[in-house]
Amino acid sequence: MGGAAPLYSDPQLHFLFPKIASVVPRQDYARKLVRLSVNAKWEADQTGALQDATRSVLDTETRLFTALLADLNADSERGVWAFLFDGPHPSNVRLSRGVQTKVCETSVRSCELSKQVYAHAVSKEHNH
């Protein structure tokens, strides 16, 4: 029973997502990440790789990401935002001003949901 648990000792997904991104069309890759993120939960292991990959697309392809969120119903979109802000310290994963501005310029719904979900995550963090 010695050593690290398998999901901690071999972080394969952190290396796999960039490889997938290099061969899959950007829109298809982003769509798949958004769909995988609906109601996903952060964990300190491989799930963190999905969160990092999804956040990277949000940060670099904000308008595309927000357009893909528009294809979801509000509850599913809320689930994506909850996953993006999930973790032990949501106050450390706030959207940059530039990303938040692009989200708000692209979609009123995404703008409001991102702010609501972030505020809820931070309030839970401060209540612990």
N, C-alpha and C. Protein backbone atom coordinates (compact mmCIF):
# COMPACT_ATOMS: atom_id res chain seq x y z
N MET A 1 0.82 -1.18 0.00
CA MET A 1 0.00 0.00 0.00
C MET A 1 0.86 1.25 0.00
N GLY A 2 2.13 1.13 -0.32
CA GLY A 2 3.02 2.28 -0.32
C GLY A 2 2.93 3.07 -1.60
N GLY A 3 3.39 4.29 -1.53
CA GLY A 3 3.45 5.14 -2.71
C GLY A 3 2.18 5.94 -2.94
N ALA A 4 2.25 6.75 -3.93
CA ALA A 4 1.11 7.63 -4.27
C ALA A 4 0.00 6.83 -4.93
N ALA A 5 -1.21 7.31 -4.74
CA ALA A 5 -2.35 6.71 -5.42
C ALA A 5 -2.19 6.90 -6.92
N PRO A 6 -2.72 5.98 -7.73
CA PRO A 6 -2.50 6.04 -9.18
C PRO A 6 -2.86 7.38 -9.83
N LEU A 7 -3.93 8.01 -9.40
CA LEU A 7 -4.33 9.25 -10.04
C LEU A 7 -3.41 10.41 -9.68
N TYR A 8 -2.65 10.27 -8.62
CA TYR A 8 -1.70 11.31 -8.24
C TYR A 8 -0.32 11.05 -8.82
N SER A 9 0.08 9.80 -8.90
CA SER A 9 1.45 9.47 -9.28
C SER A 9 1.68 9.54 -10.79
N ASP A 10 0.66 9.48 -11.59
CA ASP A 10 0.84 9.43 -13.04
C ASP A 10 -0.13 10.39 -13.71
N PRO A 11 0.21 11.68 -13.75
CA PRO A 11 -0.72 12.69 -14.25
C PRO A 11 -0.82 12.71 -15.78
N GLN A 12 -1.29 11.60 -16.37
CA GLN A 12 -1.33 11.46 -17.81
C GLN A 12 -2.23 12.48 -18.50
N LEU A 13 -3.36 12.80 -17.91
CA LEU A 13 -4.30 13.70 -18.58
C LEU A 13 -3.74 15.11 -18.74
N HIS A 14 -2.90 15.54 -17.83
CA HIS A 14 -2.31 16.88 -17.96
C HIS A 14 -1.46 16.98 -19.24
N PHE A 15 -0.92 15.86 -19.68
CA PHE A 15 -0.13 15.84 -20.90
C PHE A 15 -0.97 15.49 -22.12
N LEU A 16 -2.07 14.78 -21.88
CA LEU A 16 -2.90 14.32 -22.98
C LEU A 16 -3.73 15.44 -23.62
N PHE A 17 -4.30 16.33 -22.82
CA PHE A 17 -5.15 17.39 -23.37
C PHE A 17 -4.43 18.26 -24.41
N PRO A 18 -3.21 18.72 -24.16
CA PRO A 18 -2.52 19.51 -25.20
C PRO A 18 -2.27 18.71 -26.48
N LYS A 19 -2.02 17.41 -26.34
CA LYS A 19 -1.82 16.58 -27.52
C LYS A 19 -3.11 16.48 -28.33
N ILE A 20 -4.23 16.29 -27.65
CA ILE A 20 -5.52 16.24 -28.33
C ILE A 20 -5.79 17.58 -29.02
N ALA A 21 -5.53 18.66 -28.32
CA ALA A 21 -5.78 20.00 -28.87
C ALA A 21 -4.96 20.25 -30.14
N SER A 22 -3.82 19.60 -30.24
CA SER A 22 -2.95 19.84 -31.41
C SER A 22 -3.44 19.11 -32.67
N VAL A 23 -4.34 18.14 -32.53
CA VAL A 23 -4.79 17.37 -33.69
C VAL A 23 -6.28 17.48 -33.97
N VAL A 24 -7.04 18.00 -33.02
CA VAL A 24 -8.49 18.13 -33.19
C VAL A 24 -8.81 19.59 -33.52
N PRO A 25 -9.70 19.82 -34.49
CA PRO A 25 -10.08 21.21 -34.77
C PRO A 25 -10.51 21.94 -33.49
N ARG A 26 -10.09 23.18 -33.36
CA ARG A 26 -10.28 23.95 -32.12
C ARG A 26 -11.73 23.98 -31.66
N GLN A 27 -12.66 24.18 -32.57
CA GLN A 27 -14.07 24.24 -32.18
C GLN A 27 -14.56 22.89 -31.65
N ASP A 28 -14.15 21.81 -32.29
CA ASP A 28 -14.55 20.47 -31.82
C ASP A 28 -13.95 20.19 -30.44
N TYR A 29 -12.69 20.53 -30.28
CA TYR A 29 -12.02 20.33 -28.99
C TYR A 29 -12.73 21.13 -27.89
N ALA A 30 -13.01 22.39 -28.17
CA ALA A 30 -13.68 23.24 -27.18
C ALA A 30 -15.07 22.70 -26.86
N ARG A 31 -15.81 22.27 -27.89
CA ARG A 31 -17.16 21.72 -27.67
C ARG A 31 -17.11 20.50 -26.75
N LYS A 32 -16.15 19.63 -27.00
CA LYS A 32 -16.04 18.42 -26.17
C LYS A 32 -15.69 18.79 -24.72
N LEU A 33 -14.80 19.74 -24.53
CA LEU A 33 -14.46 20.15 -23.16
C LEU A 33 -15.67 20.75 -22.44
N VAL A 34 -16.42 21.58 -23.15
CA VAL A 34 -17.62 22.18 -22.54
C VAL A 34 -18.59 21.08 -22.13
N ARG A 35 -18.83 20.14 -23.01
CA ARG A 35 -19.79 19.06 -22.70
C ARG A 35 -19.30 18.18 -21.54
N LEU A 36 -18.00 17.91 -21.50
CA LEU A 36 -17.45 17.12 -20.39
C LEU A 36 -17.54 17.87 -19.06
N SER A 37 -17.56 19.19 -19.12
CA SER A 37 -17.54 20.01 -17.91
C SER A 37 -18.90 20.21 -17.27
N VAL A 38 -19.97 19.88 -17.99
CA VAL A 38 -21.31 20.03 -17.41
C VAL A 38 -21.40 19.14 -16.17
N ASN A 39 -21.60 19.76 -15.03
CA ASN A 39 -21.76 19.06 -13.74
C ASN A 39 -20.54 18.25 -13.31
N ALA A 40 -19.38 18.53 -13.88
CA ALA A 40 -18.16 17.87 -13.42
C ALA A 40 -17.77 18.46 -12.06
N LYS A 41 -16.98 17.74 -11.32
CA LYS A 41 -16.52 18.19 -10.00
C LYS A 41 -15.00 18.18 -9.98
N TRP A 42 -14.43 19.23 -9.39
CA TRP A 42 -12.99 19.32 -9.27
C TRP A 42 -12.49 18.31 -8.25
N GLU A 43 -11.37 17.71 -8.57
CA GLU A 43 -10.63 16.87 -7.64
C GLU A 43 -9.16 17.21 -7.84
N ALA A 44 -8.34 16.89 -6.87
CA ALA A 44 -6.92 17.21 -6.95
C ALA A 44 -6.16 16.26 -7.86
N ASP A 45 -6.86 15.37 -8.53
CA ASP A 45 -6.18 14.40 -9.38
C ASP A 45 -6.47 14.69 -10.84
N GLN A 46 -6.81 13.70 -11.60
CA GLN A 46 -6.99 13.84 -13.04
C GLN A 46 -8.12 14.79 -13.43
N THR A 47 -9.14 14.93 -12.60
CA THR A 47 -10.22 15.85 -12.91
C THR A 47 -9.69 17.28 -13.01
N GLY A 48 -8.67 17.59 -12.27
CA GLY A 48 -8.05 18.90 -12.35
C GLY A 48 -7.49 19.18 -13.74
N ALA A 49 -7.08 18.14 -14.45
CA ALA A 49 -6.58 18.30 -15.82
C ALA A 49 -7.70 18.76 -16.75
N LEU A 50 -8.89 18.21 -16.58
CA LEU A 50 -10.03 18.65 -17.38
C LEU A 50 -10.37 20.10 -17.07
N GLN A 51 -10.34 20.46 -15.81
CA GLN A 51 -10.61 21.85 -15.43
C GLN A 51 -9.56 22.79 -16.03
N ASP A 52 -8.30 22.40 -15.96
CA ASP A 52 -7.23 23.24 -16.52
C ASP A 52 -7.38 23.39 -18.04
N ALA A 53 -7.69 22.30 -18.72
CA ALA A 53 -7.84 22.34 -20.18
C ALA A 53 -9.03 23.20 -20.57
N THR A 54 -10.13 23.06 -19.85
CA THR A 54 -11.33 23.83 -20.15
C THR A 54 -11.09 25.30 -19.87
N ARG A 55 -10.45 25.59 -18.76
CA ARG A 55 -10.15 26.99 -18.41
C ARG A 55 -9.21 27.61 -19.45
N SER A 56 -8.28 26.84 -19.97
CA SER A 56 -7.36 27.34 -20.98
C SER A 56 -8.12 27.76 -22.24
N VAL A 57 -9.10 26.97 -22.65
CA VAL A 57 -9.90 27.33 -23.83
C VAL A 57 -10.73 28.57 -23.52
N LEU A 58 -11.32 28.63 -22.34
CA LEU A 58 -12.08 29.83 -21.95
C LEU A 58 -11.18 31.07 -22.01
N ASP A 59 -9.99 30.97 -21.49
CA ASP A 59 -9.08 32.11 -21.43
C ASP A 59 -8.54 32.53 -22.80
N THR A 60 -8.36 31.57 -23.71
CA THR A 60 -7.74 31.89 -25.01
C THR A 60 -8.75 32.02 -26.14
N GLU A 61 -9.89 31.39 -26.01
CA GLU A 61 -10.93 31.40 -27.04
C GLU A 61 -12.27 31.78 -26.40
N THR A 62 -12.28 32.90 -25.71
CA THR A 62 -13.43 33.27 -24.88
C THR A 62 -14.73 33.36 -25.68
N ARG A 63 -14.70 34.00 -26.83
CA ARG A 63 -15.93 34.15 -27.61
C ARG A 63 -16.44 32.80 -28.13
N LEU A 64 -15.55 31.94 -28.58
CA LEU A 64 -15.94 30.59 -29.00
C LEU A 64 -16.53 29.84 -27.82
N PHE A 65 -15.86 29.87 -26.69
CA PHE A 65 -16.32 29.17 -25.50
C PHE A 65 -17.72 29.65 -25.10
N THR A 66 -17.92 30.94 -25.08
CA THR A 66 -19.21 31.50 -24.69
C THR A 66 -20.28 31.13 -25.71
N ALA A 67 -19.94 31.11 -26.97
CA ALA A 67 -20.90 30.69 -28.00
C ALA A 67 -21.31 29.23 -27.79
N LEU A 68 -20.37 28.40 -27.40
CA LEU A 68 -20.69 26.99 -27.13
C LEU A 68 -21.58 26.86 -25.90
N LEU A 69 -21.38 27.70 -24.91
CA LEU A 69 -22.25 27.68 -23.73
C LEU A 69 -23.68 28.02 -24.10
N ALA A 70 -23.85 28.86 -25.11
CA ALA A 70 -25.20 29.25 -25.54
C ALA A 70 -26.00 28.06 -26.07
N ASP A 71 -25.30 27.00 -26.49
CA ASP A 71 -25.98 25.78 -26.96
C ASP A 71 -26.54 24.95 -25.82
N LEU A 72 -26.15 25.26 -24.60
CA LEU A 72 -26.61 24.52 -23.42
C LEU A 72 -27.81 25.21 -22.81
N ASN A 73 -28.60 24.46 -22.03
CA ASN A 73 -29.64 25.13 -21.25
C ASN A 73 -28.97 25.80 -20.05
N ALA A 74 -29.69 26.66 -19.38
CA ALA A 74 -29.11 27.46 -18.29
C ALA A 74 -28.55 26.58 -17.17
N ASP A 75 -29.23 25.49 -16.82
CA ASP A 75 -28.73 24.63 -15.75
C ASP A 75 -27.42 23.96 -16.13
N SER A 76 -27.33 23.51 -17.37
CA SER A 76 -26.08 22.90 -17.83
C SER A 76 -24.95 23.91 -17.88
N GLU A 77 -25.26 25.12 -18.34
CA GLU A 77 -24.24 26.15 -18.35
C GLU A 77 -23.79 26.49 -16.93
N ARG A 78 -24.73 26.56 -16.02
CA ARG A 78 -24.39 26.82 -14.62
C ARG A 78 -23.44 25.73 -14.11
N GLY A 79 -23.67 24.49 -14.54
CA GLY A 79 -22.79 23.39 -14.16
C GLY A 79 -21.38 23.55 -14.67
N VAL A 80 -21.23 24.09 -15.88
CA VAL A 80 -19.89 24.34 -16.43
C VAL A 80 -19.19 25.42 -15.61
N TRP A 81 -19.88 26.51 -15.33
CA TRP A 81 -19.27 27.59 -14.52
C TRP A 81 -18.91 27.07 -13.13
N ALA A 82 -19.80 26.26 -12.54
CA ALA A 82 -19.51 25.71 -11.21
C ALA A 82 -18.24 24.86 -11.24
N PHE A 83 -18.07 24.08 -12.30
CA PHE A 83 -16.87 23.27 -12.42
C PHE A 83 -15.63 24.15 -12.57
N LEU A 84 -15.73 25.20 -13.36
CA LEU A 84 -14.57 26.07 -13.57
C LEU A 84 -14.15 26.80 -12.30
N PHE A 85 -15.09 27.08 -11.42
CA PHE A 85 -14.77 27.78 -10.16
C PHE A 85 -14.67 26.82 -8.98
N ASP A 86 -14.78 25.53 -9.23
CA ASP A 86 -14.72 24.54 -8.16
C ASP A 86 -13.28 24.35 -7.71
N GLY A 87 -13.11 23.95 -6.47
CA GLY A 87 -11.79 23.69 -5.93
C GLY A 87 -11.67 24.27 -4.54
N PRO A 88 -10.55 24.10 -3.91
CA PRO A 88 -10.40 24.53 -2.52
C PRO A 88 -10.37 26.05 -2.34
N HIS A 89 -9.97 26.78 -3.37
CA HIS A 89 -9.84 28.24 -3.25
C HIS A 89 -10.39 28.94 -4.49
N PRO A 90 -11.72 29.00 -4.63
CA PRO A 90 -12.29 29.63 -5.82
C PRO A 90 -11.90 31.10 -5.97
N SER A 91 -11.59 31.76 -4.88
CA SER A 91 -11.19 33.17 -4.99
C SER A 91 -9.90 33.32 -5.79
N ASN A 92 -9.14 32.25 -5.94
CA ASN A 92 -7.90 32.29 -6.72
C ASN A 92 -8.12 32.04 -8.22
N VAL A 93 -9.35 31.71 -8.62
CA VAL A 93 -9.60 31.37 -10.03
C VAL A 93 -10.61 32.32 -10.68
N ARG A 94 -10.66 33.52 -10.18
CA ARG A 94 -11.54 34.55 -10.76
C ARG A 94 -11.20 34.74 -12.24
N LEU A 95 -12.20 35.06 -13.04
CA LEU A 95 -11.93 35.38 -14.44
C LEU A 95 -11.15 36.68 -14.51
N SER A 96 -10.21 36.73 -15.43
CA SER A 96 -9.50 37.99 -15.62
C SER A 96 -10.49 39.04 -16.13
N ARG A 97 -10.14 40.29 -15.97
CA ARG A 97 -11.03 41.36 -16.43
C ARG A 97 -11.31 41.24 -17.92
N GLY A 98 -10.28 40.92 -18.70
CA GLY A 98 -10.45 40.79 -20.15
C GLY A 98 -11.38 39.66 -20.52
N VAL A 99 -11.23 38.51 -19.85
CA VAL A 99 -12.10 37.36 -20.14
C VAL A 99 -13.53 37.68 -19.71
N GLN A 100 -13.70 38.24 -18.51
CA GLN A 100 -15.05 38.58 -18.04
C GLN A 100 -15.72 39.56 -19.00
N THR A 101 -14.97 40.54 -19.49
CA THR A 101 -15.51 41.52 -20.43
C THR A 101 -15.97 40.84 -21.71
N LYS A 102 -15.15 39.95 -22.25
CA LYS A 102 -15.53 39.24 -23.48
C LYS A 102 -16.75 38.36 -23.26
N VAL A 103 -16.81 37.68 -22.11
CA VAL A 103 -17.98 36.86 -21.79
C VAL A 103 -19.22 37.74 -21.78
N CYS A 104 -19.14 38.88 -21.13
CA CYS A 104 -20.30 39.77 -21.00
C CYS A 104 -20.68 40.42 -22.33
N GLU A 105 -19.71 40.68 -23.18
CA GLU A 105 -20.01 41.23 -24.51
C GLU A 105 -20.68 40.20 -25.41
N THR A 106 -20.38 38.93 -25.17
CA THR A 106 -20.86 37.86 -26.03
C THR A 106 -22.23 37.35 -25.61
N SER A 107 -22.48 37.28 -24.30
CA SER A 107 -23.73 36.69 -23.83
C SER A 107 -24.14 37.27 -22.48
N VAL A 108 -25.33 37.84 -22.43
CA VAL A 108 -25.86 38.36 -21.16
C VAL A 108 -26.04 37.21 -20.17
N ARG A 109 -26.58 36.09 -20.65
CA ARG A 109 -26.80 34.95 -19.76
C ARG A 109 -25.49 34.44 -19.17
N SER A 110 -24.48 34.25 -20.02
CA SER A 110 -23.19 33.76 -19.54
C SER A 110 -22.56 34.75 -18.57
N CYS A 111 -22.72 36.03 -18.86
CA CYS A 111 -22.19 37.07 -17.98
C CYS A 111 -22.79 36.94 -16.59
N GLU A 112 -24.11 36.87 -16.53
CA GLU A 112 -24.79 36.79 -15.24
C GLU A 112 -24.49 35.48 -14.52
N LEU A 113 -24.56 34.35 -15.25
CA LEU A 113 -24.30 33.06 -14.61
C LEU A 113 -22.87 32.97 -14.08
N SER A 114 -21.91 33.45 -14.85
CA SER A 114 -20.52 33.37 -14.39
C SER A 114 -20.34 34.16 -13.09
N LYS A 115 -20.95 35.33 -13.02
CA LYS A 115 -20.83 36.16 -11.81
C LYS A 115 -21.56 35.53 -10.62
N GLN A 116 -22.76 35.00 -10.87
CA GLN A 116 -23.53 34.37 -9.79
C GLN A 116 -22.82 33.13 -9.24
N VAL A 117 -22.37 32.28 -10.14
CA VAL A 117 -21.72 31.03 -9.72
C VAL A 117 -20.41 31.33 -9.00
N TYR A 118 -19.64 32.29 -9.49
CA TYR A 118 -18.40 32.66 -8.83
C TYR A 118 -18.68 33.21 -7.42
N ALA A 119 -19.65 34.08 -7.29
CA ALA A 119 -19.98 34.65 -5.99
C ALA A 119 -20.42 33.55 -5.01
N HIS A 120 -21.18 32.60 -5.51
CA HIS A 120 -21.62 31.49 -4.65
C HIS A 120 -20.41 30.63 -4.22
N ALA A 121 -19.51 30.34 -5.15
CA ALA A 121 -18.32 29.54 -4.81
C ALA A 121 -17.46 30.24 -3.78
N VAL A 122 -17.27 31.53 -3.94
CA VAL A 122 -16.45 32.29 -2.99
C VAL A 122 -17.12 32.36 -1.63
N SER A 123 -18.45 32.50 -1.60
CA SER A 123 -19.15 32.56 -0.30
C SER A 123 -19.02 31.22 0.43
N LYS A 124 -19.03 30.11 -0.30
CA LYS A 124 -18.83 28.80 0.32
C LYS A 124 -17.41 28.67 0.85
N GLU A 125 -16.45 29.21 0.11
CA GLU A 125 -15.04 29.17 0.54
C GLU A 125 -14.87 29.92 1.85
N HIS A 126 -15.48 31.09 1.95
CA HIS A 126 -15.31 31.92 3.15
C HIS A 126 -16.10 31.41 4.34
N ASN A 127 -17.07 30.53 4.09
CA ASN A 127 -17.87 29.97 5.19
C ASN A 127 -17.24 28.72 5.78
N HIS A 128 -16.12 28.28 5.20
CA HIS A 128 -15.44 27.08 5.75
C HIS A 128 -14.49 27.44 6.83
